[in-house]
Amino acid sequence: MGDAAIGFVALLFAVAVLALAPRPLGYLAVLALAPAFRRRVVWARLAPPYLALSAAMYLVAFLLDYVFVGVPQSLPPWWETAVLAPLAEELIFRALAFALLPSPLAWFFAVVLFGLLHPTNPFIASLYGVSLAFMYRGGGYLAAVALHAVNNAVWLALAAGLL
């Protein structure tokens, strides 16, 4: 089995854990993988064209989400939504996908599978996935986590009536 196949199987296993394990245990289990891959993750970089694409795609995704899906009616725990989810999901869907898979498969993983893991609206979640993938390519793991965390925090604030 080649490196790409092993990487794909490992990522599918991580997605299965994330999707099937009760929260927050799934997030914590995925984050436990991080030390094993710390040298393969791009922690930070600066590539302005990708950052600009990320910002543009994020704006499109956010506006479509706000208009067509609307403000969430429930308030999940903030620490799970704005901290654990971004850390775990960016590790799997961006950092490890781009480290372990060939480019076309990494983009599929980062966008399509990320969207399918968000069943409320997989299409809009996939648009967020594109934005987060561009952010990872332009700013690294920490930048993608930051964008994801801010996005989730904004939606939590909207759901709580704070914005």
Protein backbone atom coordinates (compact mmCIF):
# COMPACT_ATOMS: atom_id res chain seq x y z
CA MET A 1 0.00 0.00 0.00
CA GLY A 2 1.44 3.39 -1.03
CA ASP A 3 1.89 6.42 1.20
CA ALA A 4 -1.16 8.18 -0.28
CA ALA A 5 -3.35 5.13 0.34
CA ILE A 6 -2.14 4.81 3.92
CA GLY A 7 -2.74 8.54 4.46
CA PHE A 8 -6.22 8.28 3.00
CA VAL A 9 -7.13 5.32 5.23
CA ALA A 10 -5.74 7.12 8.29
CA LEU A 11 -7.75 10.24 7.48
CA LEU A 12 -10.94 8.24 6.89
CA PHE A 13 -10.43 6.60 10.27
CA ALA A 14 -10.03 10.03 11.89
CA VAL A 15 -13.20 11.27 10.17
CA ALA A 16 -15.09 8.19 11.37
CA VAL A 17 -13.93 8.84 14.94
CA LEU A 18 -14.95 12.48 14.64
CA ALA A 19 -18.35 11.64 13.16
CA LEU A 20 -19.26 8.66 15.34
CA ALA A 21 -17.74 9.31 18.75
CA PRO A 22 -19.85 11.29 21.19
CA ARG A 23 -18.80 14.90 21.48
CA PRO A 24 -16.42 16.15 22.80
CA LEU A 25 -14.64 12.76 22.91
CA GLY A 26 -14.34 12.61 19.11
CA TYR A 27 -12.59 15.97 19.02
CA LEU A 28 -10.24 14.97 21.83
CA ALA A 29 -9.44 11.63 20.17
CA VAL A 30 -8.53 13.40 16.93
CA LEU A 31 -6.38 15.94 18.75
CA ALA A 32 -4.51 13.05 20.38
CA LEU A 33 -3.18 12.27 16.88
CA ALA A 34 -1.52 15.68 16.57
CA PRO A 35 1.85 14.85 18.18
CA ALA A 36 2.42 12.02 15.71
CA PHE A 37 2.07 14.41 12.76
CA ARG A 38 3.54 17.63 14.20
CA ARG A 39 6.46 17.68 11.75
CA ARG A 40 4.21 17.31 8.70
CA VAL A 41 1.86 20.17 9.58
CA VAL A 42 2.52 23.63 8.12
CA TRP A 43 2.05 25.70 11.27
CA ALA A 44 2.36 29.16 9.72
CA ARG A 45 3.25 30.76 6.39
CA LEU A 46 2.42 33.90 4.45
CA ALA A 47 1.01 33.65 0.93
CA PRO A 48 -1.21 36.71 0.32
CA PRO A 49 -3.01 35.44 -2.83
CA TYR A 50 -4.38 32.45 -0.90
CA LEU A 51 -5.34 34.69 2.01
CA ALA A 52 -7.28 36.97 -0.35
CA LEU A 53 -9.06 33.99 -1.92
CA SER A 54 -9.89 32.70 1.55
CA ALA A 55 -11.40 36.03 2.62
CA ALA A 56 -13.50 36.30 -0.55
CA MET A 57 -14.78 32.72 -0.30
CA TYR A 58 -15.48 33.13 3.41
CA LEU A 59 -17.59 36.23 2.75
CA VAL A 60 -19.61 34.37 0.09
CA ALA A 61 -20.12 31.35 2.36
CA PHE A 62 -21.10 33.49 5.36
CA LEU A 63 -23.64 35.54 3.39
CA LEU A 64 -25.21 32.44 1.81
CA ASP A 65 -25.33 30.78 5.21
CA TYR A 66 -26.94 33.81 6.85
CA VAL A 67 -29.53 34.29 4.08
CA PHE A 68 -30.46 30.68 3.30
CA VAL A 69 -29.83 28.82 6.56
CA GLY A 70 -30.12 31.57 9.14
CA VAL A 71 -29.08 31.85 12.74
CA PRO A 72 -28.82 28.56 14.66
CA GLN A 73 -31.62 27.89 17.10
CA SER A 74 -29.48 25.98 19.59
CA LEU A 75 -26.41 26.94 21.54
CA PRO A 76 -23.87 24.13 21.78
CA PRO A 77 -21.09 24.53 24.36
CA TRP A 78 -18.82 27.41 23.30
CA TRP A 79 -15.60 25.58 24.18
CA GLU A 80 -16.58 22.68 21.96
CA THR A 81 -17.77 24.86 19.07
CA ALA A 82 -15.20 27.65 19.10
CA VAL A 83 -12.16 25.76 20.43
CA LEU A 84 -12.22 21.97 20.06
CA ALA A 85 -14.04 21.75 16.71
CA PRO A 86 -11.70 24.18 14.89
CA LEU A 87 -8.58 22.55 16.33
CA ALA A 88 -9.68 19.00 15.46
CA GLU A 89 -11.37 19.69 12.12
CA GLU A 90 -8.51 21.82 10.80
CA LEU A 91 -6.03 19.14 11.83
CA ILE A 92 -7.89 16.47 9.87
CA PHE A 93 -9.42 18.32 6.94
CA ARG A 94 -6.63 20.75 6.13
CA ALA A 95 -3.29 20.06 7.85
CA LEU A 96 -3.24 16.27 7.56
CA ALA A 97 -5.14 16.13 4.27
CA PHE A 98 -2.59 18.39 2.56
CA ALA A 99 0.34 16.65 4.31
CA LEU A 100 -0.67 13.06 3.54
CA LEU A 101 -2.60 13.13 0.27
CA PRO A 102 -1.83 14.15 -3.31
CA SER A 103 -3.24 17.58 -4.15
CA PRO A 104 -6.51 16.67 -5.93
CA LEU A 105 -7.44 14.15 -3.24
CA ALA A 106 -6.43 16.59 -0.48
CA TRP A 107 -8.77 19.24 -1.92
CA PHE A 108 -11.60 16.69 -2.15
CA PHE A 109 -11.02 15.74 1.46
CA ALA A 110 -10.69 19.36 2.63
CA VAL A 111 -13.87 20.49 0.87
CA VAL A 112 -16.32 17.69 0.08
CA LEU A 113 -15.83 15.43 3.10
CA PHE A 114 -15.76 18.47 5.37
CA GLY A 115 -19.10 19.55 3.88
CA LEU A 116 -20.64 16.11 4.33
CA LEU A 117 -19.68 16.11 8.00
CA HIS A 118 -21.92 19.17 8.44
CA PRO A 119 -25.36 17.80 7.49
CA THR A 120 -27.33 21.01 8.16
CA ASN A 121 -26.15 22.32 4.80
CA PRO A 122 -23.29 20.37 3.19
CA PHE A 123 -23.04 22.75 0.22
CA ILE A 124 -22.45 25.85 2.34
CA ALA A 125 -20.15 23.89 4.66
CA SER A 126 -18.17 22.90 1.56
CA LEU A 127 -17.82 26.58 0.66
CA TYR A 128 -16.45 27.21 4.15
CA GLY A 129 -14.16 24.24 3.48
CA VAL A 130 -12.79 25.96 0.37
CA SER A 131 -12.20 29.14 2.36
CA LEU A 132 -10.46 27.24 5.16
CA ALA A 133 -8.33 25.29 2.66
CA PHE A 134 -7.17 28.55 1.06
CA MET A 135 -6.47 29.92 4.55
CA TYR A 136 -4.38 26.84 5.36
CA ARG A 137 -2.47 27.18 2.09
CA GLY A 138 -1.94 30.90 2.69
CA GLY A 139 -1.44 31.08 6.43
CA GLY A 140 -0.92 27.58 7.80
CA TYR A 141 -2.71 25.53 10.44
CA LEU A 142 -2.93 28.27 13.04
CA ALA A 143 -4.50 30.72 10.57
CA ALA A 144 -7.09 28.14 9.47
CA VAL A 145 -7.91 27.34 13.11
CA ALA A 146 -8.28 31.07 13.84
CA LEU A 147 -10.68 31.65 10.92
CA HIS A 148 -12.70 28.56 11.82
CA ALA A 149 -12.85 29.58 15.50
CA VAL A 150 -13.90 33.16 14.70
CA ASN A 151 -16.58 31.89 12.31
CA ASN A 152 -18.00 29.52 14.92
CA ALA A 153 -17.83 32.20 17.62
CA VAL A 154 -19.72 34.67 15.40
CA TRP A 155 -22.47 32.11 14.80
CA LEU A 156 -22.64 31.39 18.55
CA ALA A 157 -22.93 35.12 19.26
CA LEU A 158 -25.69 35.45 16.66
CA ALA A 159 -27.55 32.48 18.17
CA ALA A 160 -27.23 34.01 21.64
CA GLY A 161 -28.58 37.35 20.39
CA LEU A 162 -25.31 39.14 21.13
CA LEU A 163 -24.84 40.36 17.53
